[in-house]
Amino acid sequence: MRFRSAGTAAGTASAPRAAEAGEKRKATLRVLYVIGYPQRMAGAPRSLLELVSHLPSHVEPHVLVMGEGPVAEAFRQAGLPVTVISPEGALGRHGGALFRTSLLQRLRIAAGELLPITRRVRWLLREQRIGLVHVNEPRAALLTMPAARLAGVPVVAHLRGEMPLGRAGRFLYEAGAERIITVSDGVRDTLSPGGRRKAVTVYNGTRVPPTGAPPPAWPAGMRARGRLVVCCFASVAPFKGHHHLIRAVAELNRRGWRDRVVFLAVGDFPEGSGEYHAWLWELCREQGVDNLTFAGWQADPFPFYQLADVTVLPSVSHERLQLPGGTVQVRGTEGFPRTHLEAMALGIPVVGTRIAGVPEQVVDGRTGLLVPPSDPAALADALERLLASEPLRRTLGNAARERALERFSTAAYVAGVCREYDRIVGR
């Protein structure tokens, strides 16, 4: 490993003084942060940006993004050095397509597509004098671990959600990492016994953002007319559970809430889920749900947080979903949802599901409410309990804010990650 020294002794007479100064000043550690999904600033890259923007002075970041797009641009706008490598062919496709190919096809892809990327990443490690590689998700790990191995640079793998890889991918991921940082104990439990021995949990952090743009006019007008606002911040993907939210809204409407509350689903519509999206529109029509609006992707979601009386995230880990085109096996990758952290830091009560690291975030009945996944009736009950009681919303929201500031601060997040850096490089 190569490090750029923060200071050198000037002659033998000053060596004791230099040694004393060296104890107070850490050598510079250059870290390459690798992001495998370039197309949207979702929770994982936003959490990484929170980390990289608050590193101590002795850690110098360089960001590698596997493709041009909004993620690379967001890190550039934050003033960070960014390199983009755009995989082509099979490696340029997302959604686990690589692991649905045959072994022979994978070998061909490795020879024809992974080898050029490995050469470029290895050159970048040398050119930037990188001492540590930090991969932000399994895709980034599988694209860069070979180069790091060849260059003799240790890898920290940040697992931000339930392990999405099959047996072969899991083996490569766990074997190639010097250390695995998991965002929750629930995520850590999805590793193999060998992977868990390498793993340590460091909770993501968040901070209360400064007041930005004003809230959108339409929902703000609804709130001004006395309606409550419930927001769901999530990509419209099957594992996020919007279909359960629609059914819960329909149940609440049957109980007399239709003209008293509006629901906003704030999030993008990922490619590859078109059949699911079409089914959601049909489900709204069948259930008579006309007070749920899909607001789409919002680069700045905080104006919507300003409107929310309650936030909800009905995610699932595993589910069998029957769509018009056939059965879909839903496998979630939830970890430590950033939307819960942001809502808690803003004093908004949350409703979540008991999966992954959510119970480590939300103390049921004290800082929010938790329900079983895939249970629209329980989801409706929890939402109604909060909607019917302003004092309960205020009590849970205040407790949530205190918990977020005490347990899930940015400072604790950064310190926890940097502590693992120091252990790996032997400080």
Protein backbone atom coordinates (compact mmCIF):
# COMPACT_ATOMS: atom_id res chain seq x y z
CA MET A 1 0.00 0.00 0.00
CA ARG A 2 1.20 3.48 -0.79
CA PHE A 3 0.61 6.52 1.33
CA ARG A 4 1.61 10.10 0.91
CA SER A 5 3.34 11.21 4.09
CA ALA A 6 1.92 14.20 5.90
CA GLY A 7 5.39 15.31 7.01
CA THR A 8 9.07 14.26 7.03
CA ALA A 9 11.96 14.87 9.41
CA ALA A 10 14.53 17.46 8.32
CA GLY A 11 17.84 15.94 9.46
CA THR A 12 18.80 13.78 12.41
CA ALA A 13 18.80 16.64 14.93
CA SER A 14 15.09 17.28 14.42
CA ALA A 15 14.06 13.61 14.25
CA PRO A 16 12.64 13.43 17.83
CA ARG A 17 10.58 16.54 17.18
CA ALA A 18 9.33 15.12 13.89
CA ALA A 19 8.43 11.83 15.56
CA GLU A 20 6.43 13.70 18.17
CA ALA A 21 4.62 15.63 15.43
CA GLY A 22 3.94 12.37 13.59
CA GLU A 23 2.02 11.07 16.60
CA LYS A 24 -0.31 14.03 16.34
CA ARG A 25 -0.69 14.01 12.57
CA LYS A 26 -1.95 11.05 10.57
CA ALA A 27 -0.47 10.12 7.22
CA THR A 28 -2.71 10.86 4.27
CA LEU A 29 -4.84 7.92 3.14
CA ARG A 30 -6.14 8.12 -0.41
CA VAL A 31 -9.40 6.19 -0.78
CA LEU A 32 -11.11 5.26 -4.04
CA TYR A 33 -14.90 5.20 -3.61
CA VAL A 34 -16.59 3.05 -6.27
CA ILE A 35 -20.27 3.34 -7.26
CA GLY A 36 -21.73 0.69 -9.53
CA TYR A 37 -25.11 2.24 -10.35
CA PRO A 38 -24.81 5.63 -12.11
CA GLN A 39 -28.39 6.28 -13.16
CA ARG A 40 -30.00 7.83 -10.05
CA MET A 41 -29.11 9.42 -6.72
CA ALA A 42 -31.03 6.95 -4.58
CA GLY A 43 -30.38 6.09 -0.94
CA ALA A 44 -27.06 4.25 -1.39
CA PRO A 45 -25.17 6.99 -3.28
CA ARG A 46 -26.75 9.68 -1.12
CA SER A 47 -25.48 7.91 1.99
CA LEU A 48 -22.02 7.63 0.42
CA LEU A 49 -22.05 11.33 -0.46
CA GLU A 50 -22.91 12.09 3.17
CA LEU A 51 -19.82 10.11 4.21
CA VAL A 52 -17.38 11.45 1.63
CA SER A 53 -18.44 15.07 2.20
CA HIS A 54 -17.53 14.86 5.90
CA LEU A 55 -14.28 12.88 5.93
CA PRO A 56 -11.44 13.94 8.24
CA SER A 57 -8.60 15.84 6.61
CA HIS A 58 -6.21 12.87 6.48
CA VAL A 59 -8.58 10.89 4.20
CA GLU A 60 -8.44 12.07 0.58
CA PRO A 61 -11.31 10.77 -1.59
CA HIS A 62 -11.42 9.98 -5.29
CA VAL A 63 -14.73 8.78 -6.72
CA LEU A 64 -15.11 6.19 -9.49
CA VAL A 65 -18.57 5.84 -11.03
CA MET A 66 -19.38 2.99 -13.40
CA GLY A 67 -21.15 5.10 -15.98
CA GLU A 68 -21.96 8.74 -16.67
CA GLY A 69 -25.18 10.15 -15.27
CA PRO A 70 -26.82 11.90 -12.31
CA VAL A 71 -24.64 10.19 -9.69
CA ALA A 72 -21.35 11.32 -11.21
CA GLU A 73 -22.75 14.81 -11.65
CA ALA A 74 -23.91 15.00 -8.02
CA PHE A 75 -20.45 14.11 -6.74
CA ARG A 76 -18.83 16.62 -9.11
CA GLN A 77 -21.17 19.34 -7.87
CA ALA A 78 -20.04 18.49 -4.34
CA GLY A 79 -16.49 19.40 -5.41
CA LEU A 80 -15.14 15.84 -5.44
CA PRO A 81 -12.73 14.39 -8.02
CA VAL A 82 -14.63 11.93 -10.20
CA THR A 83 -13.56 9.36 -12.78
CA VAL A 84 -16.11 7.59 -14.98
CA ILE A 85 -15.65 4.15 -16.54
CA SER A 86 -18.60 2.93 -18.60
CA PRO A 87 -18.88 -0.86 -18.85
CA GLU A 88 -20.33 -2.15 -22.10
CA GLY A 89 -22.14 -5.29 -23.17
CA ALA A 90 -23.34 -7.60 -20.39
CA LEU A 91 -21.44 -5.66 -17.72
CA GLY A 92 -23.31 -2.52 -18.72
CA ARG A 93 -26.67 -4.06 -17.86
CA HIS A 94 -28.12 -3.86 -14.39
CA GLY A 95 -30.58 -5.92 -12.39
CA GLY A 96 -28.48 -9.08 -11.89
CA ALA A 97 -28.47 -10.02 -15.59
CA LEU A 98 -24.89 -11.27 -15.37
CA PHE A 99 -25.75 -13.92 -12.80
CA ARG A 100 -28.57 -15.28 -14.96
CA THR A 101 -26.08 -16.36 -17.63
CA SER A 102 -24.32 -19.69 -17.95
CA LEU A 103 -20.84 -20.36 -16.57
CA LEU A 104 -19.39 -20.38 -20.09
CA GLN A 105 -20.99 -17.02 -20.86
CA ARG A 106 -19.58 -15.57 -17.63
CA LEU A 107 -16.09 -16.72 -18.56
CA ARG A 108 -16.44 -15.08 -21.97
CA ILE A 109 -17.67 -11.87 -20.35
CA ALA A 110 -14.78 -11.92 -17.90
CA ALA A 111 -12.26 -12.29 -20.72
CA GLY A 112 -13.85 -9.87 -23.15
CA GLU A 113 -15.39 -7.19 -20.91
CA LEU A 114 -14.05 -7.42 -17.35
CA LEU A 115 -10.38 -7.58 -18.32
CA PRO A 116 -10.33 -4.10 -19.96
CA ILE A 117 -12.08 -2.62 -16.90
CA THR A 118 -9.57 -4.33 -14.62
CA ARG A 119 -6.69 -2.77 -16.55
CA ARG A 120 -8.21 0.71 -16.37
CA VAL A 121 -9.01 0.45 -12.65
CA ARG A 122 -5.53 -0.88 -11.88
CA TRP A 123 -4.01 2.07 -13.74
CA LEU A 124 -6.24 4.46 -11.78
CA LEU A 125 -5.13 2.91 -8.47
CA ARG A 126 -1.50 3.50 -9.39
CA GLU A 127 -1.99 6.93 -10.92
CA GLN A 128 -3.92 8.22 -7.89
CA ARG A 129 -1.71 6.37 -5.36
CA ILE A 130 -4.76 4.75 -3.79
CA GLY A 131 -4.26 3.05 -0.44
CA LEU A 132 -7.77 1.69 0.06
CA VAL A 133 -10.77 0.89 -2.15
CA HIS A 134 -14.27 1.40 -0.74
CA VAL A 135 -17.00 -0.22 -2.85
CA ASN A 136 -20.53 1.05 -2.29
CA GLU A 137 -22.53 -1.99 -3.42
CA PRO A 138 -21.95 -5.56 -4.69
CA ARG A 139 -21.96 -4.51 -8.37
CA ALA A 140 -19.13 -2.05 -7.72
CA ALA A 141 -17.25 -4.75 -5.82
CA LEU A 142 -17.40 -7.32 -8.59
CA LEU A 143 -16.22 -4.79 -11.18
CA THR A 144 -13.22 -3.51 -9.21
CA MET A 145 -12.06 -6.23 -6.81
CA PRO A 146 -9.88 -8.00 -9.43
CA ALA A 147 -7.91 -4.81 -10.07
CA ALA A 148 -7.53 -4.11 -6.35
CA ARG A 149 -6.25 -7.66 -5.79
CA LEU A 150 -3.69 -7.32 -8.57
CA ALA A 151 -2.55 -3.95 -7.21
CA GLY A 152 -2.32 -5.21 -3.63
CA VAL A 153 -4.84 -2.62 -2.41
CA PRO A 154 -7.29 -3.74 0.33
CA VAL A 155 -11.04 -3.45 -0.26
CA VAL A 156 -13.74 -2.29 2.14
CA ALA A 157 -17.15 -3.52 0.96
CA HIS A 158 -20.13 -1.46 2.12
CA LEU A 159 -23.26 -3.63 2.12
CA ARG A 160 -26.20 -1.23 2.22
CA GLY A 161 -29.01 -3.75 1.82
CA GLU A 162 -29.88 -7.40 2.15
CA MET A 163 -27.40 -9.51 0.17
CA PRO A 164 -28.73 -9.59 -3.42
CA LEU A 165 -26.23 -12.06 -4.90
CA GLY A 166 -26.49 -15.79 -5.39
CA ARG A 167 -23.98 -18.32 -4.15
CA ALA A 168 -21.24 -17.55 -6.69
CA GLY A 169 -21.55 -13.79 -6.41
CA ARG A 170 -21.69 -13.93 -2.62
CA PHE A 171 -18.50 -16.02 -2.50
CA LEU A 172 -16.59 -13.58 -4.73
CA TYR A 173 -17.88 -10.57 -2.80
CA GLU A 174 -17.03 -11.92 0.64
CA ALA A 175 -13.68 -13.41 -0.39
CA GLY A 176 -12.48 -10.22 -2.06
CA ALA A 177 -13.22 -7.86 0.83
CA GLU A 178 -10.77 -7.19 3.61
CA ARG A 179 -13.63 -5.80 5.66
CA ILE A 180 -17.40 -5.64 5.16
CA ILE A 181 -19.31 -2.70 6.63
CA THR A 182 -23.02 -3.45 6.98
CA VAL A 183 -25.61 -0.76 7.60
CA SER A 184 -27.47 -2.86 10.16
CA ASP A 185 -27.24 -6.12 12.07
CA GLY A 186 -30.19 -7.33 10.02
CA VAL A 187 -28.15 -6.89 6.84
CA ARG A 188 -25.11 -8.51 8.46
CA ASP A 189 -27.20 -11.61 9.13
CA THR A 190 -27.70 -12.10 5.37
CA LEU A 191 -23.98 -12.88 4.95
CA SER A 192 -22.48 -16.35 5.23
CA PRO A 193 -20.80 -17.31 8.54
CA GLY A 194 -17.42 -16.47 7.00
CA GLY A 195 -18.70 -13.13 5.75
CA ARG A 196 -20.12 -12.25 9.16
CA ARG A 197 -16.69 -12.75 10.71
CA LYS A 198 -15.38 -10.00 8.42
CA ALA A 199 -18.33 -7.71 9.00
CA VAL A 200 -19.02 -4.82 11.35
CA THR A 201 -22.19 -2.75 11.57
CA VAL A 202 -21.90 1.01 11.16
CA TYR A 203 -25.24 2.80 11.01
CA ASN A 204 -25.78 5.39 8.31
CA GLY A 205 -26.08 8.94 9.53
CA THR A 206 -28.09 11.93 8.51
CA ARG A 207 -28.45 15.56 9.40
CA VAL A 208 -31.31 17.98 9.36
CA PRO A 209 -31.06 19.76 5.99
CA PRO A 210 -31.32 23.53 5.70
CA THR A 211 -34.68 24.87 4.61
CA GLY A 212 -34.70 24.80 0.83
CA ALA A 213 -37.37 25.25 -1.80
CA PRO A 214 -40.96 25.84 -0.74
CA PRO A 215 -43.34 22.87 -0.69
CA PRO A 216 -45.16 22.03 -3.96
CA ALA A 217 -48.28 24.10 -4.40
CA TRP A 218 -50.90 21.38 -4.98
CA PRO A 219 -50.33 19.27 -1.84
CA ALA A 220 -49.60 22.42 0.16
CA GLY A 221 -53.04 23.68 -0.83
CA MET A 222 -54.62 20.41 0.25
CA ARG A 223 -52.96 20.70 3.64
CA ALA A 224 -54.09 24.31 3.95
CA ARG A 225 -57.65 23.06 3.48
CA GLY A 226 -57.29 20.73 6.44
CA ARG A 227 -56.22 17.49 4.81
CA LEU A 228 -53.43 15.44 6.33
CA VAL A 229 -50.50 14.40 4.12
CA VAL A 230 -48.81 10.98 4.11
CA CYS A 231 -45.65 10.60 2.01
CA CYS A 232 -43.94 7.46 0.77
CA PHE A 233 -40.38 8.16 -0.40
CA ALA A 234 -39.23 5.20 -2.51
CA SER A 235 -38.52 4.06 -6.04
CA VAL A 236 -41.61 2.44 -7.53
CA ALA A 237 -40.17 -1.08 -7.55
CA PRO A 238 -41.96 -4.26 -6.41
CA PHE A 239 -39.96 -4.74 -3.20
CA LYS A 240 -40.87 -1.24 -2.00
CA GLY A 241 -44.46 -2.46 -1.59
CA HIS A 242 -46.52 0.26 -3.27
CA HIS A 243 -49.19 -2.35 -4.04
CA HIS A 244 -49.63 -2.87 -0.30
CA LEU A 245 -49.88 0.89 0.20
CA ILE A 246 -52.64 1.11 -2.44
CA ARG A 247 -54.65 -1.57 -0.66
CA ALA A 248 -54.08 0.13 2.70
CA VAL A 249 -55.28 3.46 1.26
CA ALA A 250 -58.36 1.71 -0.13
CA GLU A 251 -59.10 0.30 3.33
CA LEU A 252 -58.69 3.72 4.94
CA ASN A 253 -61.02 5.21 2.33
CA ARG A 254 -63.63 2.61 3.24
CA ARG A 255 -63.27 3.74 6.85
CA GLY A 256 -64.10 7.34 5.91
CA TRP A 257 -60.64 8.90 5.34
CA ARG A 258 -60.91 9.66 1.59
CA ASP A 259 -61.66 13.37 2.03
CA ARG A 260 -59.42 13.81 5.07
CA VAL A 261 -55.97 12.65 3.87
CA VAL A 262 -53.88 12.68 0.69
CA PHE A 263 -51.06 10.26 -0.10
CA LEU A 264 -47.95 11.16 -2.11
CA ALA A 265 -45.60 8.53 -3.54
CA VAL A 266 -42.32 10.35 -4.19
CA GLY A 267 -39.86 8.31 -6.25
CA ASP A 268 -38.70 7.31 -9.70
CA PHE A 269 -40.01 4.55 -11.96
CA PRO A 270 -37.04 2.22 -12.60
CA GLU A 271 -36.61 0.69 -16.02
CA GLY A 272 -37.53 -2.96 -16.23
CA SER A 273 -40.58 -2.66 -13.96
CA GLY A 274 -43.07 -1.45 -16.57
CA GLU A 275 -45.44 -4.37 -16.08
CA TYR A 276 -45.51 -3.67 -12.35
CA HIS A 277 -46.21 0.02 -12.93
CA ALA A 278 -49.10 -0.73 -15.28
CA TRP A 279 -50.51 -3.15 -12.72
CA LEU A 280 -50.38 -0.44 -10.03
CA TRP A 281 -52.51 1.91 -12.16
CA GLU A 282 -55.03 -0.87 -12.67
CA LEU A 283 -54.98 -1.69 -8.95
CA CYS A 284 -55.76 1.96 -8.10
CA ARG A 285 -58.69 1.85 -10.52
CA GLU A 286 -60.01 -1.44 -9.12
CA GLN A 287 -59.71 -0.26 -5.52
CA GLY A 288 -61.21 3.17 -6.24
CA VAL A 289 -58.10 4.95 -4.92
CA ASP A 290 -58.13 8.55 -6.14
CA ASN A 291 -56.31 10.24 -3.26
CA LEU A 292 -52.87 8.72 -3.97
CA THR A 293 -50.60 10.70 -6.31
CA PHE A 294 -47.35 9.43 -7.81
CA ALA A 295 -45.14 12.51 -7.80
CA GLY A 296 -42.20 10.90 -9.63
CA TRP A 297 -38.51 11.45 -9.09
CA GLN A 298 -37.55 14.53 -7.06
CA ALA A 299 -33.91 15.58 -6.99
CA ASP A 300 -34.68 17.46 -3.78
CA PRO A 301 -37.26 15.54 -1.72
CA PHE A 302 -37.15 17.82 1.31
CA PRO A 303 -39.92 20.19 0.20
CA PHE A 304 -42.20 17.13 0.34
CA TYR A 305 -40.94 16.27 3.83
CA GLN A 306 -42.06 19.76 4.88
CA LEU A 307 -45.62 18.76 3.98
CA ALA A 308 -45.68 15.31 5.56
CA ASP A 309 -47.63 14.59 8.72
CA VAL A 310 -46.58 10.93 8.45
CA THR A 311 -44.17 8.97 6.24
CA VAL A 312 -44.64 5.33 5.28
CA LEU A 313 -42.45 2.67 3.66
CA PRO A 314 -44.16 -0.74 3.10
CA SER A 315 -41.05 -2.65 1.91
CA VAL A 316 -40.83 -6.43 1.71
CA SER A 317 -37.89 -8.85 1.75
CA HIS A 318 -39.42 -11.83 -0.05
CA GLU A 319 -42.77 -12.07 -1.77
CA ARG A 320 -44.47 -13.92 -4.58
CA LEU A 321 -46.38 -11.43 -6.69
CA GLN A 322 -49.01 -12.39 -9.24
CA LEU A 323 -49.01 -9.93 -12.16
CA PRO A 324 -51.11 -10.19 -15.32
CA GLY A 325 -48.08 -11.49 -17.21
CA GLY A 326 -47.22 -14.18 -14.68
CA THR A 327 -45.74 -14.78 -11.26
CA VAL A 328 -42.85 -12.62 -10.07
CA GLN A 329 -40.56 -13.62 -7.24
CA VAL A 330 -39.82 -10.40 -5.37
CA ARG A 331 -36.53 -10.23 -3.52
CA GLY A 332 -35.84 -7.04 -1.64
CA THR A 333 -32.57 -5.28 -0.92
CA GLU A 334 -33.71 -3.05 1.93
CA GLY A 335 -31.07 -2.28 4.52
CA PHE A 336 -31.37 0.84 6.65
CA PRO A 337 -33.81 3.05 4.74
CA ARG A 338 -32.62 6.60 4.37
CA THR A 339 -36.19 7.87 4.17
CA HIS A 340 -36.77 6.71 7.76
CA LEU A 341 -33.62 8.50 8.93
CA GLU A 342 -34.53 11.72 7.18
CA ALA A 343 -38.10 11.70 8.46
CA MET A 344 -36.93 10.96 12.01
CA ALA A 345 -34.35 13.75 11.91
CA LEU A 346 -37.14 16.13 10.87
CA GLY A 347 -39.44 14.96 13.66
CA ILE A 348 -41.93 13.15 11.41
CA PRO A 349 -43.42 9.88 12.71
CA VAL A 350 -42.84 6.90 10.42
CA VAL A 351 -44.63 3.66 9.63
CA GLY A 352 -42.33 0.86 8.47
CA THR A 353 -42.15 -2.90 8.14
CA ARG A 354 -40.20 -5.35 10.28
CA ILE A 355 -37.50 -6.24 7.78
CA ALA A 356 -33.71 -5.83 7.55
CA GLY A 357 -32.47 -2.97 9.73
CA VAL A 358 -35.78 -1.14 10.13
CA PRO A 359 -36.37 -2.38 13.72
CA GLU A 360 -32.91 -1.03 14.57
CA GLN A 361 -34.01 2.40 13.36
CA VAL A 362 -37.58 2.62 14.58
CA VAL A 363 -38.56 1.69 18.12
CA ASP A 364 -42.11 0.44 17.69
CA GLY A 365 -44.58 2.54 19.66
CA ARG A 366 -41.91 5.04 20.78
CA THR A 367 -40.40 6.63 17.67
CA GLY A 368 -42.77 5.23 15.06
CA LEU A 369 -44.89 2.19 14.25
CA LEU A 370 -43.84 -1.13 12.72
CA VAL A 371 -46.06 -3.68 10.99
CA PRO A 372 -45.45 -7.08 9.39
CA PRO A 373 -44.48 -6.91 5.69
CA SER A 374 -47.09 -7.78 3.08
CA ASP A 375 -49.97 -6.91 5.42
CA PRO A 376 -52.11 -4.05 4.04
CA ALA A 377 -54.66 -4.35 6.86
CA ALA A 378 -51.98 -3.88 9.54
CA LEU A 379 -50.52 -1.02 7.50
CA ALA A 380 -53.93 0.68 7.37
CA ASP A 381 -54.38 0.22 11.14
CA ALA A 382 -50.99 1.80 11.91
CA LEU A 383 -51.61 4.73 9.56
CA GLU A 384 -55.07 5.31 11.02
CA ARG A 385 -53.67 5.27 14.53
CA LEU A 386 -51.33 8.14 13.66
CA LEU A 387 -53.77 10.04 11.46
CA ALA A 388 -56.41 10.01 14.20
CA SER A 389 -54.16 11.48 16.90
CA GLU A 390 -52.16 14.68 16.52
CA PRO A 391 -50.71 14.31 20.06
CA LEU A 392 -49.42 10.82 19.17
CA ARG A 393 -47.86 12.13 15.96
CA ARG A 394 -46.15 14.89 17.92
CA THR A 395 -44.92 12.57 20.69
CA LEU A 396 -43.53 9.94 18.33
CA GLY A 397 -42.05 12.57 16.02
CA ASN A 398 -40.19 14.32 18.85
CA ALA A 399 -38.84 11.00 20.13
CA ALA A 400 -37.80 10.03 16.61
CA ARG A 401 -35.86 13.26 16.18
CA GLU A 402 -34.02 12.74 19.47
CA ARG A 403 -33.11 9.18 18.49
CA ALA A 404 -31.88 10.24 15.05
CA LEU A 405 -29.67 12.98 16.46
CA GLU A 406 -28.25 10.78 19.23
CA ARG A 407 -27.82 7.43 17.44
CA PHE A 408 -27.65 8.19 13.74
CA SER A 409 -25.63 11.37 13.37
CA THR A 410 -23.30 12.04 10.46
CA ALA A 411 -20.39 12.40 12.89
CA ALA A 412 -20.94 8.90 14.33
CA TYR A 413 -21.33 7.45 10.84
CA VAL A 414 -18.07 8.96 9.57
CA ALA A 415 -16.16 8.04 12.73
CA GLY A 416 -17.33 4.43 12.52
CA VAL A 417 -16.23 4.02 8.91
CA CYS A 418 -12.87 5.74 9.45
CA ARG A 419 -12.22 3.53 12.47
CA GLU A 420 -12.36 0.54 10.13
CA TYR A 421 -10.01 2.26 7.68
CA ASP A 422 -7.48 2.71 10.47
CA ARG A 423 -7.72 -0.93 11.49
CA ILE A 424 -7.15 -2.12 7.95
CA VAL A 425 -4.12 0.05 7.19
CA GLY A 426 -2.64 -0.68 10.62
CA ARG A 427 -2.57 2.72 12.23
